[in-house]
């Protein structure tokens, strides 16, 4: 699907389980780099951190529902 969009150069699209977790990830390390090259929004280009979703940091619904922890995590994304 990614390659059909022609946003970046063609990349591997096979997915595999990551770190024993129950979801699949794409194994080509170039995705983030190539997608950054394709960005056109100055606002998005100016994001200073390379963090992904909070779900990449925490694998626990109870922690994600902890308001204190969420407020602290918000500082990472500010």
PDB file of N, CA and C in Angstrom:
ATOM      1  N   UNK A   1       0.817  -1.179   0.000  1.00  0.00           N
ATOM      2  CA  UNK A   1       0.000   0.000   0.000  1.00  0.00           C
ATOM      3  C   UNK A   1       0.874   1.261   0.000  1.00  0.00           C
ATOM      4  N   UNK A   2       1.908   1.299   0.828  1.00  0.00           N
ATOM      5  CA  UNK A   2       2.764   2.476   0.904  1.00  0.00           C
ATOM      6  C   UNK A   2       3.344   2.828  -0.463  1.00  0.00           C
ATOM      7  N   UNK A   3       3.910   1.855  -1.114  1.00  0.00           N
ATOM      8  CA  UNK A   3       4.549   2.122  -2.401  1.00  0.00           C
ATOM      9  C   UNK A   3       3.553   2.589  -3.455  1.00  0.00           C
ATOM     10  N   UNK A   4       2.321   2.135  -3.376  1.00  0.00           N
ATOM     11  CA  UNK A   4       1.298   2.549  -4.343  1.00  0.00           C
ATOM     12  C   UNK A   4       0.986   4.045  -4.221  1.00  0.00           C
ATOM     13  N   UNK A   5       1.195   4.629  -3.040  1.00  0.00           N
ATOM     14  CA  UNK A   5       0.945   6.056  -2.836  1.00  0.00           C
ATOM     15  C   UNK A   5       2.013   6.931  -3.494  1.00  0.00           C
ATOM     16  N   UNK A   6       3.172   6.371  -3.733  1.00  0.00           N
ATOM     17  CA  UNK A   6       4.291   7.069  -4.382  1.00  0.00           C
ATOM     18  C   UNK A   6       4.714   8.341  -3.650  1.00  0.00           C
ATOM     19  N   UNK A   7       4.686   8.285  -2.325  1.00  0.00           N
ATOM     20  CA  UNK A   7       5.122   9.411  -1.505  1.00  0.00           C
ATOM     21  C   UNK A   7       6.637   9.397  -1.361  1.00  0.00           C
ATOM     22  N   UNK A   8       7.206   8.212  -1.298  1.00  0.00           N
ATOM     23  CA  UNK A   8       8.652   8.044  -1.152  1.00  0.00           C
ATOM     24  C   UNK A   8       9.159   7.095  -2.226  1.00  0.00           C
ATOM     25  N   UNK A   9      10.466   6.864  -2.195  1.00  0.00           N
ATOM     26  CA  UNK A   9      11.020   5.819  -3.043  1.00  0.00           C
ATOM     27  C   UNK A   9      10.407   4.490  -2.604  1.00  0.00           C
ATOM     28  N   UNK A  10      10.387   3.473  -3.448  1.00  0.00           N
ATOM     29  CA  UNK A  10       9.832   2.180  -3.027  1.00  0.00           C
ATOM     30  C   UNK A  10      10.596   1.606  -1.825  1.00  0.00           C
ATOM     31  N   UNK A  11       9.838   1.142  -0.838  1.00  0.00           N
ATOM     32  CA  UNK A  11      10.403   0.570   0.382  1.00  0.00           C
ATOM     33  C   UNK A  11       9.784  -0.798   0.638  1.00  0.00           C
ATOM     34  N   UNK A  12      10.492  -1.618   1.429  1.00  0.00           N
ATOM     35  CA  UNK A  12       9.946  -2.932   1.789  1.00  0.00           C
ATOM     36  C   UNK A  12       8.647  -2.748   2.552  1.00  0.00           C
ATOM     37  N   UNK A  13       7.647  -3.570   2.233  1.00  0.00           N
ATOM     38  CA  UNK A  13       6.338  -3.429   2.873  1.00  0.00           C
ATOM     39  C   UNK A  13       5.973  -4.605   3.772  1.00  0.00           C
ATOM     40  N   UNK A  14       6.863  -5.568   3.924  1.00  0.00           N
ATOM     41  CA  UNK A  14       6.557  -6.726   4.770  1.00  0.00           C
ATOM     42  C   UNK A  14       6.540  -6.319   6.237  1.00  0.00           C
ATOM     43  N   UNK A  15       5.592  -6.859   6.977  1.00  0.00           N
ATOM     44  CA  UNK A  15       5.470  -6.563   8.406  1.00  0.00           C
ATOM     45  C   UNK A  15       5.751  -7.822   9.226  1.00  0.00           C
ATOM     46  N   UNK A  16       6.252  -7.619  10.433  1.00  0.00           N
ATOM     47  CA  UNK A  16       6.538  -8.724  11.344  1.00  0.00           C
ATOM     48  C   UNK A  16       6.279  -8.253  12.772  1.00  0.00           C
ATOM     49  N   UNK A  17       6.142  -9.200  13.698  1.00  0.00           N
ATOM     50  CA  UNK A  17       5.933  -8.843  15.099  1.00  0.00           C
ATOM     51  C   UNK A  17       7.186  -8.171  15.641  1.00  0.00           C
ATOM     52  N   UNK A  18       6.981  -7.209  16.526  1.00  0.00           N
ATOM     53  CA  UNK A  18       8.084  -6.449  17.094  1.00  0.00           C
ATOM     54  C   UNK A  18       8.189  -6.718  18.585  1.00  0.00           C
ATOM     55  N   UNK A  19       9.332  -7.177  19.013  1.00  0.00           N
ATOM     56  CA  UNK A  19       9.613  -7.341  20.430  1.00  0.00           C
ATOM     57  C   UNK A  19       8.620  -8.202  21.184  1.00  0.00           C
ATOM     58  N   UNK A  20       8.022  -9.176  20.525  1.00  0.00           N
ATOM     59  CA  UNK A  20       7.067 -10.048  21.185  1.00  0.00           C
ATOM     60  C   UNK A  20       5.708  -9.430  21.409  1.00  0.00           C
ATOM     61  N   UNK A  21       5.516  -8.191  20.951  1.00  0.00           N
ATOM     62  CA  UNK A  21       4.218  -7.536  21.119  1.00  0.00           C
ATOM     63  C   UNK A  21       3.233  -8.072  20.097  1.00  0.00           C
ATOM     64  N   UNK A  22       1.969  -7.796  20.315  1.00  0.00           N
ATOM     65  CA  UNK A  22       0.924  -8.398  19.486  1.00  0.00           C
ATOM     66  C   UNK A  22       0.620  -7.626  18.209  1.00  0.00           C
ATOM     67  N   UNK A  23       1.362  -6.573  17.921  1.00  0.00           N
ATOM     68  CA  UNK A  23       1.088  -5.838  16.691  1.00  0.00           C
ATOM     69  C   UNK A  23       2.271  -5.956  15.728  1.00  0.00           C
ATOM     70  N   UNK A  24       2.000  -5.669  14.476  1.00  0.00           N
ATOM     71  CA  UNK A  24       3.009  -5.806  13.435  1.00  0.00           C
ATOM     72  C   UNK A  24       3.653  -4.459  13.122  1.00  0.00           C
ATOM     73  N   UNK A  25       4.921  -4.510  12.751  1.00  0.00           N
ATOM     74  CA  UNK A  25       5.638  -3.306  12.327  1.00  0.00           C
ATOM     75  C   UNK A  25       6.338  -3.598  11.001  1.00  0.00           C
ATOM     76  N   UNK A  26       6.615  -2.543  10.268  1.00  0.00           N
ATOM     77  CA  UNK A  26       7.330  -2.676   9.008  1.00  0.00           C
ATOM     78  C   UNK A  26       8.816  -2.666   9.311  1.00  0.00           C
ATOM     79  N   UNK A  27       9.555  -3.589   8.723  1.00  0.00           N
ATOM     80  CA  UNK A  27      10.958  -3.768   9.071  1.00  0.00           C
ATOM     81  C   UNK A  27      11.947  -2.878   8.349  1.00  0.00           C
ATOM     82  N   UNK A  28      11.549  -2.066   7.408  1.00  0.00           N
ATOM     83  CA  UNK A  28      12.498  -1.228   6.679  1.00  0.00           C
ATOM     84  C   UNK A  28      12.782   0.032   7.493  1.00  0.00           C
ATOM     85  N   UNK A  29      14.012   0.188   7.916  1.00  0.00           N
ATOM     86  CA  UNK A  29      14.403   1.305   8.783  1.00  0.00           C
ATOM     87  C   UNK A  29      14.350   2.656   8.072  1.00  0.00           C
ATOM     88  N   UNK A  30      14.210   2.667   6.771  1.00  0.00           N
ATOM     89  CA  UNK A  30      14.255   3.918   6.016  1.00  0.00           C
ATOM     90  C   UNK A  30      12.929   4.669   5.984  1.00  0.00           C
ATOM     91  N   UNK A  31      11.854   4.092   6.479  1.00  0.00           N
ATOM     92  CA  UNK A  31      10.542   4.738   6.394  1.00  0.00           C
ATOM     93  C   UNK A  31      10.548   6.147   6.978  1.00  0.00           C
ATOM     94  N   UNK A  32      10.992   6.292   8.212  1.00  0.00           N
ATOM     95  CA  UNK A  32      10.966   7.608   8.860  1.00  0.00           C
ATOM     96  C   UNK A  32      11.805   8.604   8.075  1.00  0.00           C
ATOM     97  N   UNK A  33      12.994   8.200   7.677  1.00  0.00           N
ATOM     98  CA  UNK A  33      13.888   9.096   6.930  1.00  0.00           C
ATOM     99  C   UNK A  33      13.269   9.536   5.605  1.00  0.00           C
ATOM    100  N   UNK A  34      12.724   8.595   4.859  1.00  0.00           N
ATOM    101  CA  UNK A  34      12.142   8.916   3.554  1.00  0.00           C
ATOM    102  C   UNK A  34      10.865   9.738   3.685  1.00  0.00           C
ATOM    103  N   UNK A  35      10.066   9.448   4.712  1.00  0.00           N
ATOM    104  CA  UNK A  35       8.850  10.234   4.922  1.00  0.00           C
ATOM    105  C   UNK A  35       9.189  11.667   5.329  1.00  0.00           C
ATOM    106  N   UNK A  36      10.235  11.840   6.135  1.00  0.00           N
ATOM    107  CA  UNK A  36      10.659  13.200   6.507  1.00  0.00           C
ATOM    108  C   UNK A  36      11.056  13.987   5.269  1.00  0.00           C
ATOM    109  N   UNK A  37      11.723  13.340   4.342  1.00  0.00           N
ATOM    110  CA  UNK A  37      12.125  14.011   3.100  1.00  0.00           C
ATOM    111  C   UNK A  37      10.909  14.489   2.308  1.00  0.00           C
ATOM    112  N   UNK A  38       9.804  13.776   2.410  1.00  0.00           N
ATOM    113  CA  UNK A  38       8.610  14.081   1.621  1.00  0.00           C
ATOM    114  C   UNK A  38       7.704  15.130   2.276  1.00  0.00           C
ATOM    115  N   UNK A  39       7.992  15.523   3.517  1.00  0.00           N
ATOM    116  CA  UNK A  39       7.144  16.491   4.210  1.00  0.00           C
ATOM    117  C   UNK A  39       7.135  17.840   3.500  1.00  0.00           C
ATOM    118  N   UNK A  40       5.980  18.466   3.469  1.00  0.00           N
ATOM    119  CA  UNK A  40       5.870  19.802   2.882  1.00  0.00           C
ATOM    120  C   UNK A  40       5.430  20.847   3.902  1.00  0.00           C
ATOM    121  N   UNK A  41       4.843  20.427   5.010  1.00  0.00           N
ATOM    122  CA  UNK A  41       4.362  21.352   6.039  1.00  0.00           C
ATOM    123  C   UNK A  41       5.528  21.847   6.896  1.00  0.00           C
ATOM    124  N   UNK A  42       5.709  23.164   6.953  1.00  0.00           N
ATOM    125  CA  UNK A  42       6.768  23.726   7.791  1.00  0.00           C
ATOM    126  C   UNK A  42       6.525  23.414   9.263  1.00  0.00           C
ATOM    127  N   UNK A  43       5.254  23.426   9.679  1.00  0.00           N
ATOM    128  CA  UNK A  43       4.916  23.141  11.074  1.00  0.00           C
ATOM    129  C   UNK A  43       5.365  21.730  11.454  1.00  0.00           C
ATOM    130  N   UNK A  44       5.109  20.777  10.597  1.00  0.00           N
ATOM    131  CA  UNK A  44       5.503  19.394  10.879  1.00  0.00           C
ATOM    132  C   UNK A  44       7.025  19.249  10.797  1.00  0.00           C
ATOM    133  N   UNK A  45       7.649  19.884   9.826  1.00  0.00           N
ATOM    134  CA  UNK A  45       9.111  19.812   9.691  1.00  0.00           C
ATOM    135  C   UNK A  45       9.824  20.372  10.912  1.00  0.00           C
ATOM    136  N   UNK A  46       9.191  21.315  11.610  1.00  0.00           N
ATOM    137  CA  UNK A  46       9.818  21.962  12.759  1.00  0.00           C
ATOM    138  C   UNK A  46       9.642  21.206  14.071  1.00  0.00           C
ATOM    139  N   UNK A  47       8.985  20.074  14.062  1.00  0.00           N
ATOM    140  CA  UNK A  47       8.888  19.261  15.281  1.00  0.00           C
ATOM    141  C   UNK A  47      10.294  18.803  15.624  1.00  0.00           C
ATOM    142  N   UNK A  48      10.727  19.128  16.828  1.00  0.00           N
ATOM    143  CA  UNK A  48      12.134  18.947  17.184  1.00  0.00           C
ATOM    144  C   UNK A  48      12.492  17.561  17.730  1.00  0.00           C
ATOM    145  N   UNK A  49      11.525  16.721  17.983  1.00  0.00           N
ATOM    146  CA  UNK A  49      11.844  15.403  18.521  1.00  0.00           C
ATOM    147  C   UNK A  49      11.482  14.323  17.502  1.00  0.00           C
ATOM    148  N   UNK A  50      12.081  13.184  17.670  1.00  0.00           N
ATOM    149  CA  UNK A  50      11.792  12.065  16.786  1.00  0.00           C
ATOM    150  C   UNK A  50      10.917  11.016  17.435  1.00  0.00           C
ATOM    151  N   UNK A  51      10.161  11.429  18.444  1.00  0.00           N
ATOM    152  CA  UNK A  51       9.303  10.479  19.154  1.00  0.00           C
ATOM    153  C   UNK A  51       8.132  10.060  18.286  1.00  0.00           C
ATOM    154  N   UNK A  52       7.739   8.840  18.420  1.00  0.00           N
ATOM    155  CA  UNK A  52       6.539   8.368  17.753  1.00  0.00           C
ATOM    156  C   UNK A  52       5.354   8.468  18.696  1.00  0.00           C
ATOM    157  N   UNK A  53       4.409   7.606  18.521  1.00  0.00           N
ATOM    158  CA  UNK A  53       3.217   7.565  19.358  1.00  0.00           C
ATOM    159  C   UNK A  53       3.578   7.140  20.774  1.00  0.00           C
ATOM    160  N   UNK A  54       2.803   7.621  21.733  1.00  0.00           N
ATOM    161  CA  UNK A  54       3.007   7.210  23.117  1.00  0.00           C
ATOM    162  C   UNK A  54       2.860   5.694  23.250  1.00  0.00           C
ATOM    163  N   UNK A  55       2.101   5.073  22.367  1.00  0.00           N
ATOM    164  CA  UNK A  55       1.932   3.623  22.409  1.00  0.00           C
ATOM    165  C   UNK A  55       3.225   2.881  22.081  1.00  0.00           C
ATOM    166  N   UNK A  56       4.192   3.570  21.496  1.00  0.00           N
ATOM    167  CA  UNK A  56       5.490   2.962  21.260  1.00  0.00           C
ATOM    168  C   UNK A  56       6.334   2.958  22.530  1.00  0.00           C
ATOM    169  N   UNK A  57       6.007   3.840  23.459  1.00  0.00           N
ATOM    170  CA  UNK A  57       6.737   3.917  24.723  1.00  0.00           C
ATOM    171  C   UNK A  57       6.115   3.044  25.801  1.00  0.00           C
ATOM    172  N   UNK A  58       4.788   2.933  25.774  1.00  0.00           N
ATOM    173  CA  UNK A  58       4.054   2.242  26.835  1.00  0.00           C
ATOM    174  C   UNK A  58       3.138   1.187  26.229  1.00  0.00           C
ATOM    175  N   UNK A  59       3.220  -0.009  26.754  1.00  0.00           N
ATOM    176  CA  UNK A  59       2.403  -1.120  26.262  1.00  0.00           C
ATOM    177  C   UNK A  59       1.455  -1.588  27.365  1.00  0.00           C
ATOM    178  N   UNK A  60       0.701  -0.650  27.939  1.00  0.00           N
ATOM    179  CA  UNK A  60      -0.180  -0.986  29.047  1.00  0.00           C
ATOM    180  C   UNK A  60      -1.367  -0.020  29.064  1.00  0.00           C
ATOM    181  N   UNK A  61      -2.565  -0.550  28.889  1.00  0.00           N
ATOM    182  CA  UNK A  61      -3.759   0.296  28.925  1.00  0.00           C
ATOM    183  C   UNK A  61      -3.937   0.982  30.271  1.00  0.00           C
ATOM    184  N   UNK A  62      -3.613   0.290  31.354  1.00  0.00           N
ATOM    185  CA  UNK A  62      -3.787   0.908  32.670  1.00  0.00           C
ATOM    186  C   UNK A  62      -2.848   2.104  32.830  1.00  0.00           C
ATOM    187  N   UNK A  63      -1.643   2.028  32.291  1.00  0.00           N
ATOM    188  CA  UNK A  63      -0.734   3.166  32.366  1.00  0.00           C
ATOM    189  C   UNK A  63      -1.209   4.303  31.470  1.00  0.00           C
ATOM    190  N   UNK A  64      -1.721   3.969  30.294  1.00  0.00           N
ATOM    191  CA  UNK A  64      -2.206   5.004  29.382  1.00  0.00           C
ATOM    192  C   UNK A  64      -3.441   5.714  29.922  1.00  0.00           C
ATOM    193  N   UNK A  65      -4.154   5.083  30.838  1.00  0.00           N
ATOM    194  CA  UNK A  65      -5.323   5.690  31.467  1.00  0.00           C
ATOM    195  C   UNK A  65      -4.985   6.410  32.780  1.00  0.00           C
ATOM    196  N   UNK A  66      -3.714   6.413  33.155  1.00  0.00           N
ATOM    197  CA  UNK A  66      -3.257   7.076  34.369  1.00  0.00           C
ATOM    198  C   UNK A  66      -3.047   8.564  34.051  1.00  0.00           C
ATOM    199  N   UNK A  67      -3.914   9.444  34.571  1.00  0.00           N
ATOM    200  CA  UNK A  67      -3.862  10.867  34.248  1.00  0.00           C
ATOM    201  C   UNK A  67      -2.545  11.518  34.653  1.00  0.00           C
ATOM    202  N   UNK A  68      -1.998  11.150  35.818  1.00  0.00           N
ATOM    203  CA  UNK A  68      -0.722  11.699  36.261  1.00  0.00           C
ATOM    204  C   UNK A  68       0.375  11.366  35.256  1.00  0.00           C
ATOM    205  N   UNK A  69       0.435  10.114  34.859  1.00  0.00           N
ATOM    206  CA  UNK A  69       1.455   9.687  33.900  1.00  0.00           C
ATOM    207  C   UNK A  69       1.258  10.384  32.553  1.00  0.00           C
ATOM    208  N   UNK A  70       0.021  10.503  32.107  1.00  0.00           N
ATOM    209  CA  UNK A  70      -0.256  11.167  30.828  1.00  0.00           C
ATOM    210  C   UNK A  70       0.191  12.625  30.845  1.00  0.00           C
ATOM    211  N   UNK A  71       0.003  13.299  31.976  1.00  0.00           N
ATOM    212  CA  UNK A  71       0.448  14.693  32.080  1.00  0.00           C
ATOM    213  C   UNK A  71       1.964  14.771  31.991  1.00  0.00           C
ATOM    214  N   UNK A  72       2.651  13.822  32.610  1.00  0.00           N
ATOM    215  CA  UNK A  72       4.115  13.796  32.542  1.00  0.00           C
ATOM    216  C   UNK A  72       4.579  13.483  31.115  1.00  0.00           C
ATOM    217  N   UNK A  73       3.910  12.557  30.464  1.00  0.00           N
ATOM    218  CA  UNK A  73       4.273  12.216  29.090  1.00  0.00           C
ATOM    219  C   UNK A  73       4.048  13.380  28.141  1.00  0.00           C
ATOM    220  N   UNK A  74       3.055  14.183  28.450  1.00  0.00           N
ATOM    221  CA  UNK A  74       2.766  15.352  27.613  1.00  0.00           C
ATOM    222  C   UNK A  74       3.987  16.261  27.525  1.00  0.00           C
ATOM    223  N   UNK A  75       4.777  16.312  28.598  1.00  0.00           N
ATOM    224  CA  UNK A  75       5.992  17.141  28.613  1.00  0.00           C
ATOM    225  C   UNK A  75       6.985  16.663  27.546  1.00  0.00           C
ATOM    226  N   UNK A  76       6.997  15.367  27.262  1.00  0.00           N
ATOM    227  CA  UNK A  76       7.893  14.843  26.233  1.00  0.00           C
ATOM    228  C   UNK A  76       7.542  15.368  24.845  1.00  0.00           C
ATOM    229  N   UNK A  77       6.252  15.586  24.639  1.00  0.00           N
ATOM    230  CA  UNK A  77       5.774  15.972  23.309  1.00  0.00           C
ATOM    231  C   UNK A  77       5.597  17.470  23.154  1.00  0.00           C
ATOM    232  N   UNK A  78       5.878  18.236  24.198  1.00  0.00           N
ATOM    233  CA  UNK A  78       5.684  19.707  24.134  1.00  0.00           C
ATOM    234  C   UNK A  78       6.753  20.372  23.298  1.00  0.00           C
TER     235      UNK A  78
END
